[in-house]
N, C-alpha and C. Protein backbone atom coordinates (compact mmCIF):
# COMPACT_ATOMS: atom_id res chain seq x y z
N MET A 1 82.07 92.38 102.15
CA MET A 1 82.19 93.23 102.99
C MET A 1 83.17 93.19 103.89
N SER A 2 83.56 94.12 104.28
CA SER A 2 85.19 94.52 104.86
C SER A 2 85.02 95.06 106.26
N LEU A 3 85.84 95.13 107.10
CA LEU A 3 86.38 95.56 108.10
C LEU A 3 87.65 96.44 107.74
N LEU A 4 87.20 97.26 109.00
CA LEU A 4 88.72 98.73 109.02
C LEU A 4 89.39 98.55 110.59
N SER A 5 90.17 98.70 110.51
CA SER A 5 91.35 98.71 112.39
C SER A 5 92.81 99.43 111.54
N LEU A 6 91.82 100.69 112.75
CA LEU A 6 92.57 101.57 112.36
C LEU A 6 93.70 102.72 113.58
N ASN A 7 94.67 102.36 113.81
CA ASN A 7 95.14 103.56 114.87
C ASN A 7 95.50 105.06 114.56
N CYS A 8 94.56 106.15 114.76
CA CYS A 8 94.28 107.51 114.45
C CYS A 8 95.71 108.32 114.61
N ARG A 9 95.93 107.72 115.75
CA ARG A 9 97.15 108.34 116.27
C ARG A 9 96.76 110.53 115.76
N GLY A 10 95.23 110.68 117.13
CA GLY A 10 94.85 111.66 116.69
C GLY A 10 94.20 111.88 115.77
N LEU A 11 92.77 112.67 116.31
CA LEU A 11 91.36 112.78 115.07
C LEU A 11 91.04 114.50 115.51
N GLY A 12 92.65 115.40 116.56
CA GLY A 12 91.80 116.25 117.02
C GLY A 12 92.14 118.02 115.43
N ASN A 13 92.60 117.36 114.51
CA ASN A 13 92.74 118.68 113.19
C ASN A 13 91.62 117.92 112.15
N PRO A 14 91.62 118.84 111.31
CA PRO A 14 90.72 118.76 110.18
C PRO A 14 91.38 117.73 109.24
N ASP A 15 92.91 118.18 108.94
CA ASP A 15 93.56 117.11 108.45
C ASP A 15 93.02 115.54 108.42
N ALA A 16 93.14 115.31 109.24
CA ALA A 16 93.12 113.56 110.14
C ALA A 16 91.83 113.18 109.81
N VAL A 17 91.20 113.69 110.15
CA VAL A 17 89.47 113.81 109.81
C VAL A 17 89.19 113.85 108.68
N GLY A 18 89.75 114.64 107.38
CA GLY A 18 89.30 114.57 106.34
C GLY A 18 90.45 113.13 105.95
N GLY A 19 91.69 112.87 106.09
CA GLY A 19 92.02 111.40 105.96
C GLY A 19 91.40 110.42 105.63
N LEU A 20 90.42 110.01 107.29
CA LEU A 20 89.29 109.34 107.74
C LEU A 20 88.28 109.15 106.21
N ARG A 21 87.63 110.50 106.35
CA ARG A 21 86.61 110.33 105.57
C ARG A 21 87.25 109.98 104.34
N ASN A 22 88.56 110.17 103.61
CA ASN A 22 88.61 109.87 102.47
C ASN A 22 88.79 108.16 102.77
N LEU A 23 89.41 107.36 103.31
CA LEU A 23 89.42 106.09 103.94
C LEU A 23 87.89 105.56 104.14
N LEU A 24 86.80 105.64 104.50
CA LEU A 24 85.65 105.37 104.42
C LEU A 24 85.10 105.47 103.59
N ARG A 25 85.07 106.17 102.45
CA ARG A 25 84.70 106.61 101.41
C ARG A 25 85.19 105.49 100.36
N ARG A 26 86.49 105.28 100.28
CA ARG A 26 87.24 104.50 99.22
C ARG A 26 87.33 103.15 99.59
N ASP A 27 87.37 102.78 100.67
CA ASP A 27 86.84 101.17 101.45
C ASP A 27 85.56 101.11 101.72
N ALA A 28 84.57 101.66 101.86
CA ALA A 28 83.65 101.35 102.41
C ALA A 28 82.78 100.39 103.54
N PRO A 29 84.58 100.65 104.38
CA PRO A 29 83.79 99.15 105.56
C PRO A 29 82.63 99.40 106.29
N ALA A 30 82.09 97.77 106.50
CA ALA A 30 81.37 97.48 106.96
C ALA A 30 81.19 97.68 108.12
N ILE A 31 82.29 97.70 108.90
CA ILE A 31 82.59 98.32 110.61
C ILE A 31 83.87 99.00 110.25
N ALA A 32 84.26 99.71 111.05
CA ALA A 32 85.42 100.40 111.36
C ALA A 32 85.94 100.45 112.99
N PHE A 33 86.69 99.89 113.42
CA PHE A 33 87.19 100.24 114.84
C PHE A 33 88.64 101.30 114.89
N LEU A 34 88.33 102.53 115.85
CA LEU A 34 89.62 103.20 115.91
C LEU A 34 90.01 103.09 116.97
N CYS A 35 91.54 103.46 117.07
CA CYS A 35 92.22 103.23 118.56
C CYS A 35 93.13 104.67 118.62
N GLU A 36 93.34 105.20 119.52
CA GLU A 36 94.11 106.70 119.56
C GLU A 36 93.31 107.36 119.16
N THR A 37 92.24 107.76 118.81
CA THR A 37 91.34 109.53 118.62
C THR A 37 91.62 110.26 119.67
N LYS A 38 92.46 110.29 120.96
CA LYS A 38 92.81 110.68 121.14
C LYS A 38 91.62 111.61 121.80
N LEU A 39 90.22 111.74 121.63
CA LEU A 39 89.45 112.72 121.90
C LEU A 39 88.23 112.03 123.06
N SER A 40 87.16 112.93 123.67
CA SER A 40 86.03 112.47 124.42
C SER A 40 84.96 111.64 123.71
N SER A 41 84.31 111.51 124.27
CA SER A 41 83.17 111.03 123.72
C SER A 41 82.72 112.06 122.59
N MET A 42 82.16 112.86 123.72
CA MET A 42 81.16 114.50 122.90
C MET A 42 82.24 114.66 121.50
N GLU A 43 83.73 115.04 122.19
CA GLU A 43 84.67 114.85 120.33
C GLU A 43 84.32 114.44 119.83
N PHE A 44 84.24 112.97 119.67
CA PHE A 44 84.00 112.10 118.11
C PHE A 44 82.99 112.10 117.99
N ARG A 45 81.88 112.12 118.69
CA ARG A 45 80.39 112.16 118.00
C ARG A 45 79.98 113.27 117.02
N ARG A 46 81.28 114.22 117.38
CA ARG A 46 81.40 115.51 116.43
C ARG A 46 81.71 115.08 115.05
N VAL A 47 83.28 114.69 115.41
CA VAL A 47 83.53 113.67 114.23
C VAL A 47 82.60 113.15 113.20
N ARG A 48 81.71 112.17 113.98
CA ARG A 48 81.18 110.83 113.38
C ARG A 48 79.89 112.08 112.94
N ALA A 49 79.45 112.33 112.77
CA ALA A 49 78.73 113.45 112.52
C ALA A 49 79.10 114.06 110.81
N CYS A 50 80.29 113.59 110.41
CA CYS A 50 80.68 113.60 109.12
C CYS A 50 79.69 112.53 108.22
N PHE A 51 80.08 111.59 108.85
CA PHE A 51 79.78 110.39 108.41
C PHE A 51 77.77 109.58 108.75
N ASN A 52 77.78 110.14 108.01
CA ASN A 52 76.24 109.86 107.70
C ASN A 52 75.63 108.39 107.92
N ASP A 53 76.16 107.71 107.11
CA ASP A 53 75.62 106.49 106.56
C ASP A 53 76.56 105.47 107.79
N TYR A 54 76.51 106.45 108.78
CA TYR A 54 77.84 105.23 110.45
C TYR A 54 76.83 105.29 111.72
N ASP A 55 76.87 104.44 112.08
CA ASP A 55 76.29 104.38 114.10
C ASP A 55 77.18 104.38 114.51
N GLY A 56 77.69 104.28 116.31
CA GLY A 56 78.88 104.06 116.64
C GLY A 56 78.64 104.54 118.14
N VAL A 57 79.48 104.07 118.40
CA VAL A 57 79.92 104.19 120.16
C VAL A 57 81.16 104.65 120.59
N GLU A 58 81.80 105.18 121.37
CA GLU A 58 83.33 106.46 121.46
C GLU A 58 83.23 105.72 123.17
N VAL A 59 84.76 105.66 123.44
CA VAL A 59 85.55 104.81 124.48
C VAL A 59 86.10 106.70 124.66
N ASP A 60 85.89 107.63 125.62
CA ASP A 60 86.30 108.69 126.26
C ASP A 60 88.67 108.35 126.35
N SER A 61 88.86 109.18 125.47
CA SER A 61 90.31 109.01 126.00
C SER A 61 90.91 109.35 127.32
N VAL A 62 91.96 109.05 127.68
CA VAL A 62 92.06 109.08 129.01
C VAL A 62 93.16 109.90 128.74
N GLY A 63 93.31 111.60 129.16
CA GLY A 63 94.24 112.65 128.88
C GLY A 63 94.28 112.75 127.20
N GLN A 64 95.66 113.25 127.07
CA GLN A 64 95.33 113.82 125.65
C GLN A 64 96.23 111.95 124.90
N SER A 65 95.61 110.34 125.39
CA SER A 65 96.08 109.42 124.82
C SER A 65 94.54 108.29 124.86
N GLY A 66 94.91 107.36 124.06
CA GLY A 66 94.35 106.82 124.07
C GLY A 66 92.44 107.12 123.21
N GLY A 67 91.13 106.40 123.83
CA GLY A 67 89.78 107.18 122.24
C GLY A 67 90.19 106.05 121.92
N LEU A 68 88.68 105.15 121.88
CA LEU A 68 88.61 104.55 120.88
C LEU A 68 86.91 104.87 120.16
N ALA A 69 86.92 104.17 119.13
CA ALA A 69 85.48 104.21 118.49
C ALA A 69 85.10 102.67 117.54
N PHE A 70 83.97 102.52 117.84
CA PHE A 70 83.52 101.75 117.25
C PHE A 70 81.94 102.19 115.98
N MET A 71 82.54 101.82 114.79
CA MET A 71 81.48 102.72 114.01
C MET A 71 80.94 101.47 112.78
N TRP A 72 79.48 101.62 112.39
CA TRP A 72 78.91 100.33 111.77
C TRP A 72 78.44 100.98 110.95
N LYS A 73 78.30 100.28 109.63
CA LYS A 73 77.21 100.59 108.62
C LYS A 73 75.09 100.66 108.92
N ASN A 74 74.98 101.08 108.13
CA ASN A 74 73.12 100.78 109.09
C ASN A 74 72.57 100.07 108.33
N ASN A 75 72.86 99.34 107.35
CA ASN A 75 72.58 98.09 107.70
C ASN A 75 73.00 96.88 108.13
N VAL A 76 73.87 97.16 109.18
CA VAL A 76 74.76 96.40 109.45
C VAL A 76 73.91 96.07 111.35
N ILE A 77 73.47 95.13 111.46
CA ILE A 77 73.14 94.61 113.49
C ILE A 77 74.09 94.43 114.42
N CYS A 78 74.63 95.86 115.75
CA CYS A 78 75.28 95.94 116.48
C CYS A 78 74.58 95.70 117.62
N ASN A 79 74.91 95.01 117.95
CA ASN A 79 74.27 94.40 120.02
C ASN A 79 75.62 94.35 121.15
N PHE A 80 75.22 95.12 121.62
CA PHE A 80 77.39 96.00 122.52
C PHE A 80 76.99 94.77 123.45
N ARG A 81 78.54 94.11 123.56
CA ARG A 81 78.95 93.17 124.72
C ARG A 81 79.35 93.73 125.78
N SER A 82 81.39 94.57 125.99
CA SER A 82 80.89 95.37 126.53
C SER A 82 82.31 96.20 126.19
N SER A 83 82.52 96.82 126.96
CA SER A 83 83.50 97.94 126.88
C SER A 83 84.84 98.71 127.80
N SER A 84 85.58 99.00 127.62
CA SER A 84 86.47 99.21 128.58
C SER A 84 87.27 100.71 127.83
N VAL A 85 88.37 100.96 128.40
CA VAL A 85 89.06 101.92 127.34
C VAL A 85 90.14 101.43 126.86
N HIS A 86 90.52 100.27 126.64
CA HIS A 86 91.24 99.04 125.90
C HIS A 86 91.34 98.29 125.01
N HIS A 87 89.22 98.09 124.79
CA HIS A 87 88.69 97.31 123.95
C HIS A 87 86.61 98.03 123.19
N ILE A 88 86.02 97.43 122.62
CA ILE A 88 84.77 97.56 122.39
C ILE A 88 84.85 96.35 121.12
N ASP A 89 83.63 95.93 122.61
CA ASP A 89 83.32 94.62 122.01
C ASP A 89 81.56 93.84 120.86
N PHE A 90 80.83 93.84 119.98
CA PHE A 90 80.71 93.84 120.16
C PHE A 90 79.40 91.92 118.86
N ASP A 91 78.71 91.70 119.13
CA ASP A 91 77.83 90.86 118.67
C ASP A 91 77.09 91.90 117.70
N VAL A 92 78.07 91.29 115.76
CA VAL A 92 77.66 91.62 114.73
C VAL A 92 76.34 90.16 114.36
N THR A 93 75.42 91.00 113.38
CA THR A 93 74.59 89.98 112.49
C THR A 93 74.48 91.09 111.18
N LEU A 94 75.03 90.22 109.79
CA LEU A 94 74.86 90.80 108.91
C LEU A 94 74.92 89.73 107.67
N ASP A 95 74.45 90.40 106.44
CA ASP A 95 73.91 88.82 105.91
C ASP A 95 73.07 87.76 106.33
N ASN A 96 72.33 87.77 107.22
CA ASN A 96 71.65 86.46 108.21
C ASN A 96 72.82 85.99 108.77
N LYS A 97 74.13 86.77 109.24
CA LYS A 97 74.53 85.50 109.49
C LYS A 97 75.16 86.77 111.40
N THR A 98 75.71 85.44 112.40
CA THR A 98 75.66 86.82 113.20
C THR A 98 77.18 85.66 114.24
N TRP A 99 78.22 87.17 114.14
CA TRP A 99 79.65 86.43 114.59
C TRP A 99 79.91 87.90 115.44
N ARG A 100 81.02 87.44 116.63
CA ARG A 100 81.23 89.04 117.46
C ARG A 100 83.07 89.10 116.63
N VAL A 101 82.98 90.33 116.84
CA VAL A 101 83.81 91.38 116.59
C VAL A 101 84.53 92.12 118.01
N THR A 102 85.51 92.31 118.07
CA THR A 102 86.11 93.25 119.47
C THR A 102 87.92 93.83 119.23
N GLY A 103 87.58 95.15 118.80
CA GLY A 103 88.40 96.06 119.14
C GLY A 103 88.54 96.02 120.11
N PHE A 104 90.27 95.90 119.85
CA PHE A 104 91.77 96.11 120.64
C PHE A 104 92.83 97.11 120.87
N TYR A 105 92.85 97.35 121.91
CA TYR A 105 93.63 98.62 122.33
C TYR A 105 95.03 97.37 123.16
N GLY A 106 95.73 97.63 122.80
CA GLY A 106 97.03 96.79 124.08
C GLY A 106 97.61 97.52 125.08
N TRP A 107 97.44 97.81 126.14
CA TRP A 107 98.35 98.72 126.33
C TRP A 107 99.62 99.42 126.14
N PRO A 108 100.46 100.07 125.65
CA PRO A 108 101.16 100.93 125.37
C PRO A 108 102.41 100.25 126.40
N ALA A 109 102.69 100.44 127.42
CA ALA A 109 103.86 100.52 128.70
C ALA A 109 103.76 98.97 128.38
N LEU A 110 105.62 98.81 128.65
CA LEU A 110 105.73 97.50 128.98
C LEU A 110 105.32 96.92 130.33
N SER A 111 105.31 97.71 131.15
CA SER A 111 105.42 97.37 132.40
C SER A 111 103.70 96.82 132.50
N ASP A 112 103.04 97.60 131.77
CA ASP A 112 101.53 96.98 131.69
C ASP A 112 100.90 95.89 130.48
N ARG A 113 101.69 95.43 129.99
CA ARG A 113 101.95 94.77 128.96
C ARG A 113 100.65 93.36 129.23
N HIS A 114 101.24 93.10 130.67
CA HIS A 114 100.42 91.84 131.20
C HIS A 114 99.01 91.49 131.39
N LEU A 115 98.36 93.35 131.08
CA LEU A 115 97.39 94.15 131.07
C LEU A 115 96.57 93.60 130.24
N SER A 116 96.98 93.12 128.57
CA SER A 116 96.57 93.03 127.62
C SER A 116 96.13 92.10 127.77
N TRP A 117 97.02 91.14 128.31
CA TRP A 117 96.81 89.39 128.05
C TRP A 117 95.53 88.89 129.05
N GLU A 118 96.09 89.54 130.07
CA GLU A 118 94.94 89.40 130.45
C GLU A 118 93.47 90.17 130.25
N LEU A 119 93.30 90.61 129.54
CA LEU A 119 92.32 91.67 129.38
C LEU A 119 91.53 90.76 128.38
N LEU A 120 92.40 90.04 127.33
CA LEU A 120 92.22 89.62 125.66
C LEU A 120 92.15 87.77 126.71
N ARG A 121 92.69 87.50 127.70
CA ARG A 121 91.90 85.55 127.93
C ARG A 121 90.35 85.96 128.58
N ILE A 122 90.23 86.86 129.36
CA ILE A 122 88.72 87.31 129.70
C ILE A 122 87.47 87.63 128.75
N LEU A 123 88.28 88.09 127.77
CA LEU A 123 87.55 87.78 126.53
C LEU A 123 87.26 86.94 126.28
N GLY A 124 88.38 86.34 126.01
CA GLY A 124 88.15 84.24 125.37
C GLY A 124 87.54 83.47 126.00
N LYS A 125 87.18 83.52 127.46
CA LYS A 125 87.10 82.21 127.93
C LYS A 125 85.68 81.83 127.42
N ASN A 126 86.10 80.86 128.08
CA ASN A 126 84.39 80.33 127.53
C ASN A 126 83.49 81.02 126.10
N TYR A 127 84.32 80.55 125.61
CA TYR A 127 83.38 81.75 123.84
C TYR A 127 84.07 80.45 122.82
N ASP A 128 82.94 80.06 122.11
CA ASP A 128 83.45 78.75 120.55
C ASP A 128 82.77 79.35 119.51
N GLY A 129 81.77 80.85 119.62
CA GLY A 129 81.49 80.94 118.43
C GLY A 129 82.11 81.24 117.53
N PRO A 130 81.88 82.20 116.80
CA PRO A 130 82.49 83.20 115.39
C PRO A 130 82.93 84.22 115.92
N TRP A 131 84.38 84.95 115.79
CA TRP A 131 84.85 85.87 116.65
C TRP A 131 86.43 85.98 116.34
N VAL A 132 86.27 87.48 115.87
CA VAL A 132 88.12 88.41 115.31
C VAL A 132 87.63 89.30 115.96
N CYS A 133 89.66 89.09 116.62
CA CYS A 133 90.25 90.68 117.25
C CYS A 133 90.66 91.34 116.62
N MET A 134 90.08 92.51 116.11
CA MET A 134 91.46 93.30 115.54
C MET A 134 91.77 94.56 116.14
N GLY A 135 92.57 95.33 116.15
CA GLY A 135 93.09 96.09 116.58
C GLY A 135 94.84 96.97 116.78
N ASP A 136 95.13 97.27 117.69
CA ASP A 136 96.60 98.27 117.50
C ASP A 136 96.94 96.99 119.29
N PHE A 137 97.65 95.84 118.98
CA PHE A 137 98.59 95.42 120.61
C PHE A 137 99.50 94.98 121.03
N ASN A 138 99.88 96.10 120.30
CA ASN A 138 101.16 96.83 120.79
C ASN A 138 102.01 95.88 121.42
N GLU A 139 102.30 94.98 120.43
CA GLU A 139 103.14 93.67 120.37
C GLU A 139 103.75 92.86 119.67
N ILE A 140 104.50 91.75 119.54
CA ILE A 140 104.79 91.41 118.47
C ILE A 140 104.87 89.84 118.68
N LEU A 141 104.43 88.87 117.83
CA LEU A 141 104.03 87.45 117.65
C LEU A 141 105.84 86.69 117.48
N TYR A 142 106.11 87.70 116.62
CA TYR A 142 107.45 86.97 115.87
C TYR A 142 108.62 87.72 116.16
N ALA A 143 109.86 87.22 116.22
CA ALA A 143 111.07 88.21 116.03
C ALA A 143 111.09 89.16 114.17
N THR A 144 110.83 88.24 113.16
CA THR A 144 110.26 88.97 111.84
C THR A 144 109.13 89.60 111.62
N GLU A 145 108.39 90.17 112.84
CA GLU A 145 107.76 90.98 112.45
C GLU A 145 108.45 91.85 113.71
N MET A 146 109.80 92.70 113.01
CA MET A 146 110.65 93.63 113.55
C MET A 146 111.57 94.17 112.64
N LEU A 147 111.67 95.41 112.57
CA LEU A 147 113.08 95.53 111.67
C LEU A 147 113.90 96.81 112.42
N GLY A 148 114.75 96.46 113.24
CA GLY A 148 116.01 97.11 113.52
C GLY A 148 115.35 96.64 115.17
N GLY A 149 116.75 96.51 115.92
CA GLY A 149 116.83 96.45 117.04
C GLY A 149 116.82 95.20 118.03
N GLU A 150 116.18 94.77 118.98
CA GLU A 150 115.66 93.72 119.39
C GLU A 150 114.47 93.49 120.28
N ARG A 151 113.77 92.20 120.74
CA ARG A 151 112.77 91.77 121.04
C ARG A 151 113.11 90.98 122.53
N ALA A 152 112.79 91.16 123.58
CA ALA A 152 112.77 89.96 124.58
C ALA A 152 111.48 89.00 124.22
N GLN A 153 112.42 87.47 124.30
CA GLN A 153 111.51 86.33 123.55
C GLN A 153 110.86 86.50 124.52
N TRP A 154 110.84 86.21 125.91
CA TRP A 154 109.62 86.15 126.72
C TRP A 154 108.27 87.33 126.47
N GLN A 155 108.80 88.65 125.82
CA GLN A 155 107.27 89.44 125.60
C GLN A 155 106.57 88.31 124.16
N MET A 156 107.58 88.35 123.69
CA MET A 156 106.68 87.23 122.10
C MET A 156 105.51 85.91 122.13
N ASN A 157 106.86 85.84 123.18
CA ASN A 157 105.89 83.75 123.99
C ASN A 157 104.68 84.40 124.52
N ASN A 158 105.30 85.44 125.70
CA ASN A 158 103.94 86.25 126.47
C ASN A 158 102.40 85.85 125.91
N PHE A 159 102.76 87.18 124.56
CA PHE A 159 101.36 87.00 123.22
C PHE A 159 100.88 86.24 122.52
N ARG A 160 102.06 85.34 122.35
CA ARG A 160 101.51 83.84 121.36
C ARG A 160 100.91 82.82 123.01
N ASP A 161 101.42 82.72 124.19
CA ASP A 161 100.39 81.80 124.44
C ASP A 161 99.27 82.24 124.81
N VAL A 162 98.70 83.57 124.92
CA VAL A 162 97.45 84.20 125.24
C VAL A 162 96.45 83.96 123.94
N VAL A 163 96.94 84.43 122.67
CA VAL A 163 96.99 83.68 121.42
C VAL A 163 96.47 82.60 120.95
N ASP A 164 97.27 81.77 121.29
CA ASP A 164 96.78 80.06 121.87
C ASP A 164 95.88 79.64 122.60
N ASP A 165 95.29 80.18 123.81
CA ASP A 165 94.58 80.36 124.44
C ASP A 165 93.60 80.75 124.27
N CYS A 166 93.51 81.51 123.37
CA CYS A 166 92.45 82.14 122.45
C CYS A 166 91.82 81.32 121.50
N GLY A 167 92.63 80.00 121.37
CA GLY A 167 92.21 79.43 119.54
C GLY A 167 91.88 80.78 118.99
N LEU A 168 92.94 81.53 118.27
CA LEU A 168 92.93 82.31 117.70
C LEU A 168 94.26 82.82 116.43
N ARG A 169 94.13 82.84 115.44
CA ARG A 169 95.26 82.88 114.39
C ARG A 169 95.46 83.78 113.28
N ASP A 170 96.43 84.33 112.97
CA ASP A 170 96.24 85.41 111.89
C ASP A 170 95.22 85.87 110.99
N VAL A 171 94.74 86.54 110.49
CA VAL A 171 94.49 86.57 109.11
C VAL A 171 95.20 86.82 108.37
N SER A 172 95.11 86.27 107.05
CA SER A 172 96.51 87.34 105.98
C SER A 172 96.25 88.77 105.45
N PHE A 173 96.66 89.51 105.25
CA PHE A 173 97.19 90.34 105.14
C PHE A 173 97.91 90.81 103.60
N GLU A 174 97.91 92.01 103.28
CA GLU A 174 98.53 92.05 102.10
C GLU A 174 99.26 93.71 102.22
N GLY A 175 100.16 94.35 101.89
CA GLY A 175 101.17 95.21 101.42
C GLY A 175 102.33 95.57 102.62
N LEU A 176 102.40 96.61 103.45
CA LEU A 176 103.50 96.45 104.46
C LEU A 176 103.36 95.57 104.99
N ALA A 177 104.47 95.56 105.35
CA ALA A 177 105.06 94.32 107.05
C ALA A 177 104.70 94.95 108.13
N TYR A 178 105.46 96.08 107.85
CA TYR A 178 105.16 97.12 109.51
C TYR A 178 103.90 97.74 109.47
N THR A 179 103.44 97.81 110.32
CA THR A 179 102.10 98.81 110.80
C THR A 179 102.45 100.40 111.75
N TYR A 180 103.81 100.25 112.29
CA TYR A 180 104.32 100.76 113.22
C TYR A 180 106.36 101.37 113.00
N ASP A 181 106.14 102.45 112.89
CA ASP A 181 107.76 102.65 112.37
C ASP A 181 108.07 104.16 113.13
N ASN A 182 109.09 104.33 113.94
CA ASN A 182 109.52 104.98 115.43
C ASN A 182 109.68 106.63 115.07
N GLY A 183 109.99 106.83 113.18
CA GLY A 183 110.35 107.58 112.53
C GLY A 183 111.46 108.10 112.75
N GLN A 184 112.57 107.46 113.29
CA GLN A 184 114.15 108.08 113.35
C GLN A 184 115.06 107.64 111.89
N ALA A 185 116.13 107.81 111.89
CA ALA A 185 116.54 107.62 111.01
C ALA A 185 117.87 106.92 111.21
N GLY A 186 118.12 106.04 110.30
CA GLY A 186 119.93 105.13 110.56
C GLY A 186 119.29 104.13 111.29
N LEU A 187 120.55 103.77 112.19
CA LEU A 187 120.40 102.81 113.27
C LEU A 187 119.20 102.89 113.87
N ALA A 188 119.03 104.07 113.87
CA ALA A 188 118.16 104.01 115.18
C ALA A 188 116.77 104.10 114.69
N ASN A 189 116.75 103.92 113.87
CA ASN A 189 114.84 103.55 113.25
C ASN A 189 114.50 101.84 113.77
N ARG A 190 112.75 102.27 114.52
CA ARG A 190 112.47 100.78 114.49
C ARG A 190 111.45 100.83 113.77
N GLN A 191 110.94 99.23 113.38
CA GLN A 191 109.71 99.67 112.84
C GLN A 191 109.28 98.04 113.28
N PHE A 192 108.21 98.11 113.67
CA PHE A 192 107.50 96.46 113.99
C PHE A 192 106.07 96.73 113.28
N ARG A 193 105.35 95.46 113.79
CA ARG A 193 104.18 95.04 113.38
C ARG A 193 103.29 94.80 114.05
N LEU A 194 101.96 95.63 114.92
CA LEU A 194 102.08 95.79 116.56
C LEU A 194 100.05 95.95 115.67
N ASP A 195 99.81 95.99 115.04
CA ASP A 195 98.52 95.98 114.48
C ASP A 195 98.20 94.65 113.96
N ARG A 196 97.54 94.06 113.95
CA ARG A 196 96.67 92.27 113.22
C ARG A 196 94.92 92.13 113.70
N ALA A 197 94.51 91.18 112.80
CA ALA A 197 93.31 91.07 112.71
C ALA A 197 93.86 89.61 113.32
N MET A 198 92.65 88.88 114.43
CA MET A 198 93.04 87.51 114.33
C MET A 198 91.48 86.98 114.57
N ALA A 199 91.39 85.72 114.27
CA ALA A 199 89.89 84.88 114.91
C ALA A 199 90.58 83.20 114.69
N ASN A 200 89.15 83.11 115.45
CA ASN A 200 89.20 81.85 115.64
C ASN A 200 88.77 80.70 114.12
N GLU A 201 88.49 79.46 114.85
CA GLU A 201 88.53 78.70 113.59
C GLU A 201 86.84 79.01 113.11
N ALA A 202 86.05 78.67 114.43
CA ALA A 202 84.66 79.33 113.93
C ALA A 202 84.30 80.53 112.61
N TRP A 203 84.90 81.19 112.74
CA TRP A 203 85.26 83.10 111.90
C TRP A 203 85.49 82.14 110.68
N PHE A 204 86.73 81.80 110.78
CA PHE A 204 87.23 81.27 109.25
C PHE A 204 86.72 80.28 108.63
N ASP A 205 85.37 79.93 109.64
CA ASP A 205 84.36 79.14 108.11
C ASP A 205 83.20 79.02 107.80
């Protein structure tokens, strides 16, 4: 069983849809969370029609930004909990085990970042069942998760505080250390680990 979380940076052209199709065929995740589809729900349903073995729900983009989708294979039972333009939350039953999965998309603007942590605290409040939360949090936990530039300590502290409050810890990963690159050359280049999966102890157990 595998889960996929992907920042699509737009699914409005055939090449992007083809790349997603290849990824789903290669890894065959039981569950896939997509953020920044930059599509309306109706537009994404047309994309999802390409993937016959997946069901799903969508959240509209806001203009040309945002847009979320949550897809699951036909052998997975998913019960909807809640959604917004920044998250989709489900209870999942697979192989006779039930747990919770939240796809999360943090506010991109620094001035709104506190709203991300308020939402995460609301989602985690009074919940002690198995829970995994994955997505693009638009923030890093430690200075070692960036290359180039500087990050204010209070920004990282605020993220760490909410992670602790929710009883979450990182799911280990392999591959590239950074998930975002600003695409600029030389000293202007900035790279960050903005995307991750975190889970509570009950989920690890």
